[in-house]
Structure formats: C-alpha cells, structure tokens
Amino acid sequence: MENVNKWQSAALNGLLLSVVTIVYSLISTIFNPGSFVTIVLWTVKFGACIYLLYYFMKQYSSQFETISYGESFRYGSLISVFSSIVCSCFAFLSITFIFPEQLDQSLAAMQSVIENGNYNDEQIDAINQVSGKLPQIMLFWSLFYYSVFGIIVSAIVANYTKKTNPFAGEENTIQ
C-alpha cells in the first residue's frame, strides 16, 4: 500500500521542518532580542520542531493499515537528516554571506579570550588555525548536532506513531 514516495515526502517534510529553525535564526540575528525573549523563542522553536516531526510521522503512518516502530523511526530519521542538511547549509551561508558580522563577532570574542588568557604560542597558533576554519567547523558540527537530535526525537516519537494489528502476524507490517 505504499503509494507515496517516502524519500520525496521526507525531503519535503524535512524542508518544512527546517523552516522553523531558519525563522528562529533570522529573528534572533536580525532583532537581537534580550536573553529572556531568546529563551522563550528557543523554547517555542524546540516545541514546534518536536511537534512538527511528530505530525509528519503521524501523517505518514496514517497511510498504512499497520506500520512498525522501525519503519516509523526510519521515516522520522530521514526527515531529520534532510532538515539537518538544510539548516546546516543555512547556518553556513548565514555566517559567511548573509550576516558576516556574526563571524567577525565570534572571531573578536575568540581574540579577547586569547588576550585575556595564559596561552603559550603553540596554543595560540592552534586557536588561530581553528578560527580560520570556523564556518566549515560550524557547518559540520550543526549537521551532526541537528541529525543526532532529530534521530533521538524520532526514536521517541516512533513509539507513538507506530500502528500494529495485534491479531495479524509480522508479515503484515512494513519492513
């Protein structure tokens, strides 16, 4: 009964899920709200991402009479990975092209840490090498972070989106 392309559906849902994080990032960067508002916005983003992932997984599972935990988890993981790719690319473009002042602020903060700390020349050289590759490091770190977070949430949510028939055998579930 698989009349839907799982990859296409997961890619579209991943794109929609990533919009929440991108909007949060834009609001935080453009308006630079205070600490309390930032915490509230982050909490709303966090809840919205979890709810959207649940909604997309539930919507996908509703197309089938039965769906296993594993299939639901795999679909949620696909959504999360697609969303992670979009969010990571946006973060990279944001600090390199759209809002390069963010990178300058980060590098200035690193420089003040170096000046105020007791670092030897070898440590300073290592910090300077890392600071030159900060956008690339942030790209891969955010890809890893978003993917792992999404996979963990998918593992939890899949338990609530699976549908089994207690009277049917294992052969009736999607593998």
Protein backbone atom coordinates (compact mmCIF):
# COMPACT_ATOMS: atom_id res chain seq x y z
CA MET A 1 0.00 0.00 0.00
CA GLU A 2 2.98 2.28 -0.38
CA ASN A 3 1.50 4.80 -2.81
CA VAL A 4 3.73 7.61 -1.60
CA ASN A 5 7.37 8.16 -2.38
CA LYS A 6 8.97 8.02 1.07
CA TRP A 7 12.10 9.91 0.02
CA GLN A 8 10.21 12.72 -1.68
CA SER A 9 7.81 13.04 1.24
CA ALA A 10 10.65 13.04 3.79
CA ALA A 11 12.57 15.66 1.81
CA LEU A 12 9.57 17.98 1.64
CA ASN A 13 8.76 17.48 5.32
CA GLY A 14 12.43 17.99 6.22
CA LEU A 15 12.39 21.27 4.31
CA LEU A 16 9.25 22.38 6.15
CA LEU A 17 10.77 21.34 9.49
CA SER A 18 13.93 23.30 8.77
CA VAL A 19 11.89 26.46 8.16
CA VAL A 20 11.16 26.63 11.91
CA THR A 21 14.86 26.72 12.78
CA ILE A 22 15.66 29.15 9.97
CA VAL A 23 12.92 31.57 11.06
CA TYR A 24 14.16 31.35 14.66
CA SER A 25 17.71 32.03 13.48
CA LEU A 26 16.64 35.02 11.39
CA ILE A 27 14.60 36.52 14.21
CA SER A 28 17.46 36.05 16.67
CA THR A 29 20.00 37.57 14.29
CA ILE A 30 18.02 40.47 12.88
CA PHE A 31 16.23 41.64 16.02
CA ASN A 32 18.86 40.54 18.57
CA PRO A 33 16.28 40.12 21.38
CA GLY A 34 17.20 40.04 25.05
CA SER A 35 18.03 36.91 26.99
CA PHE A 36 14.50 36.21 28.20
CA VAL A 37 12.95 36.61 24.74
CA THR A 38 15.69 34.45 23.25
CA ILE A 39 14.92 31.69 25.75
CA VAL A 40 11.20 31.93 25.01
CA LEU A 41 11.81 31.88 21.25
CA TRP A 42 14.14 28.90 21.56
CA THR A 43 11.58 27.04 23.68
CA VAL A 44 8.87 27.72 21.10
CA LYS A 45 11.20 26.56 18.30
CA PHE A 46 12.10 23.43 20.25
CA GLY A 47 8.46 22.53 20.87
CA ALA A 48 7.44 23.37 17.31
CA CYS A 49 10.18 21.15 15.86
CA ILE A 50 9.20 18.20 18.03
CA TYR A 51 5.51 18.68 17.24
CA LEU A 52 6.13 19.02 13.50
CA LEU A 53 8.25 15.88 13.44
CA TYR A 54 5.50 14.04 15.32
CA TYR A 55 2.87 15.42 12.93
CA PHE A 56 4.81 14.40 9.82
CA MET A 57 5.50 10.92 11.17
CA LYS A 58 1.85 10.50 12.19
CA GLN A 59 0.69 11.73 8.80
CA TYR A 60 2.98 9.23 7.05
CA SER A 61 1.88 6.34 9.25
CA SER A 62 -1.80 7.13 8.66
CA GLN A 63 -1.41 5.98 5.06
CA PHE A 64 -0.86 2.40 6.17
CA GLU A 65 -3.04 -0.11 7.95
CA THR A 66 -0.06 -1.14 10.05
CA ILE A 67 3.39 0.36 10.35
CA SER A 68 6.19 -0.89 12.55
CA TYR A 69 8.23 1.09 15.02
CA GLY A 70 11.27 0.63 12.80
CA GLU A 71 9.62 1.98 9.67
CA SER A 72 8.22 4.96 11.53
CA PHE A 73 11.64 5.60 13.08
CA ARG A 74 13.36 5.38 9.67
CA TYR A 75 10.93 7.88 8.19
CA GLY A 76 11.45 10.30 11.08
CA SER A 77 15.21 9.90 10.74
CA LEU A 78 15.00 10.71 7.03
CA ILE A 79 13.04 13.86 7.78
CA SER A 80 15.60 14.82 10.43
CA VAL A 81 18.58 14.29 8.14
CA PHE A 82 17.02 16.30 5.32
CA SER A 83 16.15 19.07 7.76
CA SER A 84 19.67 18.95 9.20
CA ILE A 85 21.20 19.41 5.76
CA VAL A 86 19.05 22.47 5.04
CA CYS A 87 19.62 24.02 8.49
CA SER A 88 23.37 23.42 8.37
CA CYS A 89 23.69 24.93 4.90
CA PHE A 90 21.65 27.93 6.02
CA ALA A 91 23.88 28.37 9.09
CA PHE A 92 26.98 28.24 6.89
CA LEU A 93 25.55 30.74 4.39
CA SER A 94 24.33 32.91 7.24
CA ILE A 95 27.73 33.40 8.84
CA THR A 96 29.70 33.59 5.61
CA PHE A 97 27.48 35.63 3.26
CA ILE A 98 24.20 36.83 4.75
CA PHE A 99 25.38 38.03 8.18
CA PRO A 100 29.21 38.03 8.06
CA GLU A 101 29.29 40.30 11.11
CA GLN A 102 28.36 37.22 13.19
CA LEU A 103 31.64 35.59 12.17
CA ASP A 104 33.52 38.81 12.93
CA GLN A 105 31.94 38.95 16.39
CA SER A 106 32.86 35.33 17.06
CA LEU A 107 36.44 35.88 15.95
CA ALA A 108 36.67 39.05 18.08
CA ALA A 109 35.40 37.09 21.09
CA MET A 110 38.00 34.38 20.45
CA GLN A 111 40.70 37.04 20.18
CA SER A 112 39.69 38.60 23.51
CA VAL A 113 39.82 35.14 25.13
CA ILE A 114 43.32 34.69 23.76
CA GLU A 115 44.43 38.09 25.03
CA ASN A 116 42.94 37.57 28.50
CA GLY A 117 44.17 34.00 28.96
CA ASN A 118 47.50 32.42 29.74
CA TYR A 119 48.14 30.64 26.47
CA ASN A 120 51.52 29.64 25.08
CA ASP A 121 52.43 30.25 21.44
CA GLU A 122 51.54 26.71 20.41
CA GLN A 123 48.03 27.03 21.86
CA ILE A 124 47.55 30.45 20.25
CA ASP A 125 48.58 29.04 16.86
CA ALA A 126 46.10 26.16 17.27
CA ILE A 127 43.30 28.59 18.15
CA ASN A 128 44.15 30.78 15.16
CA GLN A 129 44.11 27.77 12.83
CA VAL A 130 40.69 26.75 14.11
CA SER A 131 39.32 30.29 13.85
CA GLY A 132 40.23 30.38 10.17
CA LYS A 133 38.04 27.35 9.55
CA LEU A 134 35.18 28.35 11.84
CA PRO A 135 32.44 28.39 9.15
CA GLN A 136 33.34 24.89 7.96
CA ILE A 137 33.54 23.59 11.52
CA MET A 138 30.14 25.11 12.29
CA LEU A 139 28.69 23.53 9.13
CA PHE A 140 29.72 20.01 10.08
CA TRP A 141 29.02 20.45 13.78
CA SER A 142 25.49 21.73 13.15
CA LEU A 143 24.88 18.91 10.65
CA PHE A 144 25.93 16.40 13.31
CA TYR A 145 24.00 18.12 16.12
CA TYR A 146 20.74 18.51 14.22
CA SER A 147 20.91 14.96 12.85
CA VAL A 148 21.58 13.35 16.24
CA PHE A 149 18.87 15.41 17.91
CA GLY A 150 16.38 14.51 15.18
CA ILE A 151 17.24 10.83 15.35
CA ILE A 152 16.77 10.79 19.13
CA VAL A 153 13.40 12.54 18.83
CA SER A 154 12.41 10.18 16.00
CA ALA A 155 13.24 7.21 18.21
CA ILE A 156 10.93 8.54 20.91
CA VAL A 157 8.13 9.71 18.61
CA ALA A 158 8.13 6.47 16.57
CA ASN A 159 6.71 4.70 19.59
CA TYR A 160 3.63 6.92 19.33
CA THR A 161 3.22 6.76 15.55
CA LYS A 162 3.51 3.02 15.00
CA LYS A 163 0.32 1.11 14.25
CA THR A 164 0.11 -2.59 14.77
CA ASN A 165 -2.63 -5.14 14.50
CA PRO A 166 -2.40 -7.47 17.48
CA PHE A 167 -4.26 -10.18 15.56
CA ALA A 168 -2.01 -10.07 12.49
CA GLY A 169 1.34 -11.73 12.11
CA GLU A 170 4.62 -9.95 11.45
CA GLU A 171 4.23 -10.43 7.67
CA ASN A 172 1.56 -7.67 7.51
CA THR A 173 3.82 -4.87 8.73
CA ILE A 174 6.09 -2.73 6.60
CA GLN A 175 9.76 -3.57 6.92
